[in-house]
Amino acid sequence: MKAKVLKRFRDKHTKERYAEGQEIELNEERLNDINSTSHGVLVEKLEDEPEKEEPEKEEEPEEKEVSKDTKKPAPKGRKKSS
């Protein structure tokens, strides 16, 4: 899961330093471990984002048939004028 650093800190396990506002990847257990110190809440869980999905597309107009000979749109049933 992703979490956002609220206060800068150094991870006691990895010795890595994290800056305020940085987004980090960790599991739920590690997040709880970090926030259970005497220093208070250091990171907050970011909302779970769904897998990257393509945004829903509005229906696109049907493509016009293209005549093979002229490469122009083929006429669609013309109305006869009386």
N, C-alpha and C. Protein backbone atom coordinates (compact mmCIF):
# COMPACT_ATOMS: atom_id res chain seq x y z
N MET A 1 0.83 -1.17 0.00
CA MET A 1 0.00 0.00 0.00
C MET A 1 0.88 1.24 0.00
N LYS A 2 0.28 2.34 -0.41
CA LYS A 2 1.01 3.60 -0.42
C LYS A 2 0.65 4.40 0.81
N ALA A 3 1.62 5.14 1.30
CA ALA A 3 1.42 6.00 2.46
C ALA A 3 2.16 7.31 2.23
N LYS A 4 1.69 8.35 2.90
CA LYS A 4 2.31 9.67 2.80
C LYS A 4 2.99 10.00 4.12
N VAL A 5 4.20 10.49 4.04
CA VAL A 5 4.97 10.84 5.23
C VAL A 5 4.46 12.18 5.77
N LEU A 6 4.07 12.19 7.05
CA LEU A 6 3.57 13.41 7.69
C LEU A 6 4.68 14.17 8.40
N LYS A 7 5.62 13.44 8.98
CA LYS A 7 6.79 14.03 9.65
C LYS A 7 8.02 13.27 9.17
N ARG A 8 9.10 13.99 8.96
CA ARG A 8 10.30 13.32 8.48
C ARG A 8 10.81 12.36 9.56
N PHE A 9 11.36 11.24 9.10
CA PHE A 9 11.88 10.25 10.03
C PHE A 9 12.89 9.35 9.32
N ARG A 10 13.62 8.59 10.12
CA ARG A 10 14.55 7.60 9.59
C ARG A 10 14.03 6.24 9.99
N ASP A 11 13.89 5.35 9.01
CA ASP A 11 13.40 4.00 9.25
C ASP A 11 14.47 3.22 10.01
N LYS A 12 14.10 2.68 11.17
CA LYS A 12 15.09 1.99 11.99
C LYS A 12 15.55 0.67 11.37
N HIS A 13 14.74 0.11 10.47
CA HIS A 13 15.12 -1.16 9.85
C HIS A 13 16.00 -0.96 8.62
N THR A 14 15.64 0.00 7.77
CA THR A 14 16.39 0.20 6.52
C THR A 14 17.39 1.34 6.61
N LYS A 15 17.31 2.13 7.67
CA LYS A 15 18.16 3.32 7.88
C LYS A 15 17.91 4.39 6.82
N GLU A 16 16.83 4.25 6.06
CA GLU A 16 16.49 5.22 5.01
C GLU A 16 15.76 6.40 5.64
N ARG A 17 16.06 7.59 5.14
CA ARG A 17 15.39 8.80 5.63
C ARG A 17 14.23 9.15 4.70
N TYR A 18 13.13 9.57 5.30
CA TYR A 18 11.95 9.95 4.54
C TYR A 18 11.60 11.40 4.85
N ALA A 19 11.30 12.15 3.81
CA ALA A 19 10.98 13.57 3.94
C ALA A 19 9.46 13.76 4.05
N GLU A 20 9.06 14.84 4.69
CA GLU A 20 7.65 15.17 4.82
C GLU A 20 7.04 15.33 3.42
N GLY A 21 5.87 14.72 3.22
CA GLY A 21 5.18 14.81 1.94
C GLY A 21 5.55 13.71 0.96
N GLN A 22 6.58 12.94 1.27
CA GLN A 22 7.02 11.86 0.38
C GLN A 22 6.01 10.71 0.42
N GLU A 23 5.78 10.07 -0.74
CA GLU A 23 4.92 8.90 -0.80
C GLU A 23 5.80 7.67 -0.79
N ILE A 24 5.46 6.71 0.09
CA ILE A 24 6.26 5.51 0.21
C ILE A 24 5.37 4.28 0.09
N GLU A 25 5.98 3.16 -0.23
CA GLU A 25 5.28 1.89 -0.36
C GLU A 25 5.64 1.03 0.84
N LEU A 26 4.63 0.56 1.56
CA LEU A 26 4.86 -0.33 2.69
C LEU A 26 3.61 -1.14 2.97
N ASN A 27 3.74 -2.13 3.85
CA ASN A 27 2.56 -2.94 4.15
C ASN A 27 1.87 -2.42 5.42
N GLU A 28 0.68 -2.92 5.68
CA GLU A 28 -0.15 -2.46 6.81
C GLU A 28 0.59 -2.64 8.14
N GLU A 29 1.25 -3.77 8.30
CA GLU A 29 1.95 -4.06 9.55
C GLU A 29 3.07 -3.03 9.80
N ARG A 30 3.83 -2.71 8.74
CA ARG A 30 4.93 -1.75 8.89
C ARG A 30 4.39 -0.36 9.17
N LEU A 31 3.28 0.02 8.53
CA LEU A 31 2.66 1.31 8.78
C LEU A 31 2.29 1.43 10.26
N ASN A 32 1.66 0.40 10.80
CA ASN A 32 1.26 0.41 12.21
C ASN A 32 2.48 0.47 13.12
N ASP A 33 3.56 -0.23 12.74
CA ASP A 33 4.79 -0.24 13.52
C ASP A 33 5.40 1.16 13.57
N ILE A 34 5.45 1.82 12.43
CA ILE A 34 6.03 3.18 12.36
C ILE A 34 5.20 4.16 13.20
N ASN A 35 3.89 4.05 13.12
CA ASN A 35 3.02 4.99 13.83
C ASN A 35 2.87 4.69 15.32
N SER A 36 3.39 3.55 15.78
CA SER A 36 3.24 3.20 17.19
C SER A 36 4.41 3.69 18.05
N THR A 37 5.31 4.47 17.48
CA THR A 37 6.45 4.96 18.25
C THR A 37 6.05 6.13 19.13
N SER A 38 6.95 6.53 19.99
CA SER A 38 6.68 7.66 20.88
C SER A 38 6.70 9.00 20.13
N HIS A 39 7.09 8.95 18.85
CA HIS A 39 7.14 10.17 18.04
C HIS A 39 5.79 10.53 17.44
N GLY A 40 4.81 9.69 17.65
CA GLY A 40 3.46 9.95 17.14
C GLY A 40 3.26 9.38 15.75
N VAL A 41 2.23 9.87 15.11
CA VAL A 41 1.87 9.40 13.77
C VAL A 41 2.81 10.04 12.76
N LEU A 42 3.57 9.20 12.07
CA LEU A 42 4.55 9.70 11.11
C LEU A 42 4.10 9.53 9.66
N VAL A 43 3.24 8.55 9.41
CA VAL A 43 2.77 8.31 8.05
C VAL A 43 1.26 8.06 8.08
N GLU A 44 0.62 8.39 6.96
CA GLU A 44 -0.81 8.11 6.84
C GLU A 44 -1.06 7.30 5.58
N LYS A 45 -1.98 6.40 5.68
CA LYS A 45 -2.34 5.55 4.55
C LYS A 45 -3.05 6.39 3.51
N LEU A 46 -2.66 6.22 2.26
CA LEU A 46 -3.35 6.90 1.17
C LEU A 46 -4.51 6.02 0.74
N GLU A 47 -5.55 6.64 0.26
CA GLU A 47 -6.70 5.89 -0.20
C GLU A 47 -6.27 4.88 -1.26
N ASP A 48 -6.84 3.69 -1.16
CA ASP A 48 -6.53 2.67 -2.16
C ASP A 48 -7.05 3.14 -3.50
N GLU A 49 -6.16 3.19 -4.45
CA GLU A 49 -6.56 3.59 -5.79
C GLU A 49 -6.77 2.33 -6.61
N PRO A 50 -7.85 2.27 -7.36
CA PRO A 50 -8.07 1.08 -8.18
C PRO A 50 -6.96 0.98 -9.23
N GLU A 51 -6.79 -0.22 -9.73
CA GLU A 51 -5.79 -0.43 -10.78
C GLU A 51 -6.02 0.61 -11.86
N LYS A 52 -4.96 1.00 -12.50
CA LYS A 52 -5.09 2.02 -13.55
C LYS A 52 -6.01 1.48 -14.64
N GLU A 53 -7.16 2.08 -14.73
CA GLU A 53 -8.13 1.70 -15.74
C GLU A 53 -8.28 2.87 -16.69
N GLU A 54 -8.61 2.52 -17.92
CA GLU A 54 -8.85 3.57 -18.89
C GLU A 54 -10.15 4.27 -18.51
N PRO A 55 -10.18 5.57 -18.56
CA PRO A 55 -11.42 6.26 -18.23
C PRO A 55 -12.52 5.85 -19.20
N GLU A 56 -13.74 5.84 -18.69
CA GLU A 56 -14.84 5.45 -19.56
C GLU A 56 -14.96 6.43 -20.71
N LYS A 57 -15.08 5.86 -21.88
CA LYS A 57 -15.18 6.70 -23.08
C LYS A 57 -16.64 6.85 -23.45
N GLU A 58 -16.97 8.04 -23.90
CA GLU A 58 -18.31 8.25 -24.40
C GLU A 58 -18.42 7.52 -25.73
N GLU A 59 -19.65 7.16 -26.07
CA GLU A 59 -19.83 6.46 -27.33
C GLU A 59 -19.35 7.35 -28.47
N GLU A 60 -18.51 6.75 -29.30
CA GLU A 60 -18.00 7.49 -30.44
C GLU A 60 -18.93 7.28 -31.62
N PRO A 61 -19.10 8.29 -32.46
CA PRO A 61 -19.96 8.11 -33.62
C PRO A 61 -19.40 7.02 -34.52
N GLU A 62 -20.32 6.32 -35.16
CA GLU A 62 -19.88 5.24 -36.05
C GLU A 62 -19.06 5.83 -37.18
N GLU A 63 -18.05 5.08 -37.59
CA GLU A 63 -17.21 5.55 -38.69
C GLU A 63 -17.98 5.36 -39.99
N LYS A 64 -17.81 6.31 -40.89
CA LYS A 64 -18.48 6.23 -42.19
C LYS A 64 -17.76 5.21 -43.05
N GLU A 65 -18.56 4.50 -43.85
CA GLU A 65 -17.95 3.55 -44.76
C GLU A 65 -17.14 4.31 -45.80
N VAL A 66 -16.00 3.77 -46.16
CA VAL A 66 -15.17 4.42 -47.15
C VAL A 66 -15.17 3.56 -48.40
N SER A 67 -15.50 4.20 -49.50
CA SER A 67 -15.51 3.50 -50.79
C SER A 67 -14.07 3.12 -51.14
N LYS A 68 -13.87 1.90 -51.57
CA LYS A 68 -12.52 1.43 -51.89
C LYS A 68 -11.94 2.14 -53.10
N ASP A 69 -12.79 2.56 -54.04
CA ASP A 69 -12.31 3.17 -55.27
C ASP A 69 -11.90 4.62 -55.08
N THR A 70 -12.68 5.39 -54.36
CA THR A 70 -12.44 6.82 -54.30
C THR A 70 -11.82 7.30 -52.98
N LYS A 71 -11.82 6.45 -51.98
CA LYS A 71 -11.30 6.80 -50.66
C LYS A 71 -12.08 7.95 -50.03
N LYS A 72 -13.33 8.12 -50.49
CA LYS A 72 -14.21 9.11 -49.91
C LYS A 72 -15.34 8.38 -49.20
N PRO A 73 -15.96 9.03 -48.25
CA PRO A 73 -17.08 8.36 -47.58
C PRO A 73 -18.15 7.95 -48.58
N ALA A 74 -18.62 6.73 -48.46
CA ALA A 74 -19.66 6.24 -49.36
C ALA A 74 -20.97 6.89 -48.97
N PRO A 75 -21.77 7.26 -49.94
CA PRO A 75 -23.04 7.91 -49.62
C PRO A 75 -23.97 6.94 -48.90
N LYS A 76 -24.69 7.46 -47.95
CA LYS A 76 -25.67 6.65 -47.23
C LYS A 76 -27.03 6.99 -47.78
N GLY A 77 -27.71 6.07 -48.37
CA GLY A 77 -29.06 6.18 -48.92
C GLY A 77 -29.56 7.59 -49.12
N ARG A 78 -29.39 8.10 -50.29
CA ARG A 78 -29.88 9.45 -50.59
C ARG A 78 -31.39 9.43 -50.78
N LYS A 79 -32.01 10.49 -50.36
CA LYS A 79 -33.46 10.62 -50.56
C LYS A 79 -33.69 11.28 -51.91
N LYS A 80 -34.64 10.75 -52.62
CA LYS A 80 -34.99 11.32 -53.92
C LYS A 80 -35.96 12.48 -53.68
N SER A 81 -35.76 13.56 -54.38
CA SER A 81 -36.68 14.68 -54.25
C SER A 81 -37.77 14.53 -55.29
N SER A 82 -39.01 14.76 -54.91
CA SER A 82 -40.13 14.59 -55.85
C SER A 82 -40.65 15.91 -56.31
